[in-house]
C-alpha atoms as a PDB file:
ATOM      1  CA  MET A   1     -28.768 -68.994   4.020  1.00  0.00           C
ATOM      2  CA  THR A   2     -29.917 -70.808   0.889  1.00  0.00           C
ATOM      3  CA  THR A   3     -28.262 -73.929   0.666  1.00  0.00           C
ATOM      4  CA  VAL A   4     -28.819 -76.896  -1.848  1.00  0.00           C
ATOM      5  CA  PRO A   5     -28.651 -80.211  -1.137  1.00  0.00           C
ATOM      6  CA  LEU A   6     -26.896 -82.770  -2.982  1.00  0.00           C
ATOM      7  CA  LEU A   7     -27.993 -85.302  -1.104  1.00  0.00           C
ATOM      8  CA  SER A   8     -31.481 -87.047  -0.605  1.00  0.00           C
ATOM      9  CA  ASN A   9     -31.532 -86.495   3.499  1.00  0.00           C
ATOM     10  CA  PRO A  10     -31.598 -82.603   2.907  1.00  0.00           C
ATOM     11  CA  ASN A  11     -31.056 -82.796   7.545  1.00  0.00           C
ATOM     12  CA  THR A  12     -27.213 -84.161   7.068  1.00  0.00           C
ATOM     13  CA  SER A  13     -25.994 -80.459   7.086  1.00  0.00           C
ATOM     14  CA  SER A  14     -22.973 -81.774   5.892  1.00  0.00           C
ATOM     15  CA  LEU A  15     -23.893 -82.806   3.041  1.00  0.00           C
ATOM     16  CA  LEU A  16     -25.449 -79.343   2.273  1.00  0.00           C
ATOM     17  CA  VAL A  17     -23.617 -76.403   0.723  1.00  0.00           C
ATOM     18  CA  PRO A  18     -24.892 -73.232   0.273  1.00  0.00           C
ATOM     19  CA  LYS A  19     -26.197 -71.550  -2.517  1.00  0.00           C
ATOM     20  CA  LEU A  20     -23.270 -69.483  -4.460  1.00  0.00           C
ATOM     21  CA  ARG A  21     -24.335 -65.537  -4.883  1.00  0.00           C
ATOM     22  CA  ASP A  22     -24.625 -64.110  -8.209  1.00  0.00           C
ATOM     23  CA  ASP A  23     -22.214 -62.026  -7.893  1.00  0.00           C
ATOM     24  CA  GLY A  24     -19.551 -64.876  -6.089  1.00  0.00           C
ATOM     25  CA  SER A  25     -19.938 -62.796  -2.754  1.00  0.00           C
ATOM     26  CA  ASN A  26     -19.603 -65.340  -0.702  1.00  0.00           C
ATOM     27  CA  TRP A  27     -17.114 -67.745  -2.668  1.00  0.00           C
ATOM     28  CA  SER A  28     -15.175 -67.978   0.653  1.00  0.00           C
ATOM     29  CA  ASN A  29     -18.026 -69.653   2.411  1.00  0.00           C
ATOM     30  CA  TYR A  30     -19.951 -71.576  -0.319  1.00  0.00           C
ATOM     31  CA  GLU A  31     -16.437 -73.233  -1.747  1.00  0.00           C
ATOM     32  CA  PRO A  32     -15.490 -75.461   0.814  1.00  0.00           C
ATOM     33  CA  HIS A  33     -18.121 -77.040   1.084  1.00  0.00           C
ATOM     34  CA  VAL A  34     -18.072 -78.496  -2.156  1.00  0.00           C
ATOM     35  CA  PRO A  35     -15.679 -80.908  -1.557  1.00  0.00           C
ATOM     36  CA  GLN A  36     -16.909 -82.505   1.568  1.00  0.00           C
ATOM     37  CA  ALA A  37     -20.677 -82.484   0.292  1.00  0.00           C
ATOM     38  CA  MET A  38     -19.000 -84.159  -2.822  1.00  0.00           C
ATOM     39  CA  GLY A  39     -16.596 -86.122  -1.736  1.00  0.00           C
ATOM     40  CA  ALA A  40     -19.407 -87.790   0.977  1.00  0.00           C
ATOM     41  CA  LYS A  41     -21.472 -88.534  -1.947  1.00  0.00           C
ATOM     42  CA  GLY A  42     -17.869 -90.387  -4.196  1.00  0.00           C
ATOM     43  CA  LEU A  43     -17.721 -87.682  -6.773  1.00  0.00           C
ATOM     44  CA  TRP A  44     -15.057 -85.467  -5.956  1.00  0.00           C
ATOM     45  CA  LEU A  45     -12.971 -88.173  -7.847  1.00  0.00           C
ATOM     46  CA  HIS A  46     -15.215 -88.173 -11.123  1.00  0.00           C
ATOM     47  CA  VAL A  47     -14.632 -83.763 -10.334  1.00  0.00           C
ATOM     48  CA  GLY A  48     -10.883 -84.259 -10.192  1.00  0.00           C
ATOM     49  CA  GLY A  49     -10.819 -86.469 -13.613  1.00  0.00           C
ATOM     50  CA  LYS A  50      -9.486 -89.290 -11.157  1.00  0.00           C
ATOM     51  CA  ALA A  51     -12.695 -91.906 -10.855  1.00  0.00           C
ATOM     52  CA  ALA A  52     -11.980 -94.954 -13.178  1.00  0.00           C
ATOM     53  CA  ALA A  53     -14.118 -95.234 -16.443  1.00  0.00           C
ATOM     54  CA  PRO A  54     -16.025 -98.777 -16.662  1.00  0.00           C
ATOM     55  CA  LYS A  55     -15.198-101.464 -18.678  1.00  0.00           C
ATOM     56  CA  PRO A  56     -17.694-102.810 -20.970  1.00  0.00           C
ATOM     57  CA  TYR A  57     -19.186-105.462 -20.982  1.00  0.00           C
ATOM     58  CA  GLN A  58     -17.683-107.745 -23.212  1.00  0.00           C
ATOM     59  CA  LEU A  59     -20.906-109.043 -26.689  1.00  0.00           C
ATOM     60  CA  VAL A  60     -21.256-112.246 -27.262  1.00  0.00           C
ATOM     61  CA  ASN A  61     -23.893-112.674 -30.192  1.00  0.00           C
ATOM     62  CA  ASN A  62     -24.455-108.960 -29.468  1.00  0.00           C
ATOM     63  CA  ILE A  63     -25.194-109.935 -25.743  1.00  0.00           C
ATOM     64  CA  PRO A  64     -23.644-108.243 -22.787  1.00  0.00           C
ATOM     65  CA  THR A  65     -21.843-111.590 -21.025  1.00  0.00           C
ATOM     66  CA  LEU A  66     -19.699-111.333 -18.003  1.00  0.00           C
ATOM     67  CA  PRO A  67     -15.664-111.906 -17.822  1.00  0.00           C
ATOM     68  CA  ASP A  68     -16.355-115.492 -18.346  1.00  0.00           C
ATOM     69  CA  GLY A  69     -17.892-114.468 -21.570  1.00  0.00           C
ATOM     70  CA  LYS A  70     -20.723-117.103 -21.369  1.00  0.00           C
ATOM     71  CA  THR A  71     -22.907-115.457 -18.631  1.00  0.00           C
ATOM     72  CA  ARG A  72     -25.231-113.071 -19.031  1.00  0.00           C
ATOM     73  CA  ALA A  73     -24.711-109.454 -17.134  1.00  0.00           C
ATOM     74  CA  THR A  74     -28.332-108.799 -15.407  1.00  0.00           C
ATOM     75  CA  ASP A  75     -30.413-105.006 -16.181  1.00  0.00           C
ATOM     76  CA  ASP A  76     -28.774-104.288 -13.070  1.00  0.00           C
ATOM     77  CA  GLN A  77     -25.172-105.360 -13.668  1.00  0.00           C
ATOM     78  CA  ILE A  78     -25.976-103.286 -16.495  1.00  0.00           C
ATOM     79  CA  GLU A  79     -26.735-100.279 -15.157  1.00  0.00           C
ATOM     80  CA  VAL A  80     -24.522-100.188 -12.351  1.00  0.00           C
END
């Protein structure tokens, strides 16, 4: 069985999804793995359209700021 890891650590068997064959003949084996693997990576809410959209930073003089309107947002905060 060929698997597709959804994680950088391919030794985690619960996150391995079998590759879906072109003809779909292994769907019954493939389908139960997808929600489990995506849920473990925190992606399942996105798939279902239920993840909250991130709120954009307020711009003050074209500079992203924190909710206080004064503190400049760091690059790490913006990238999250």
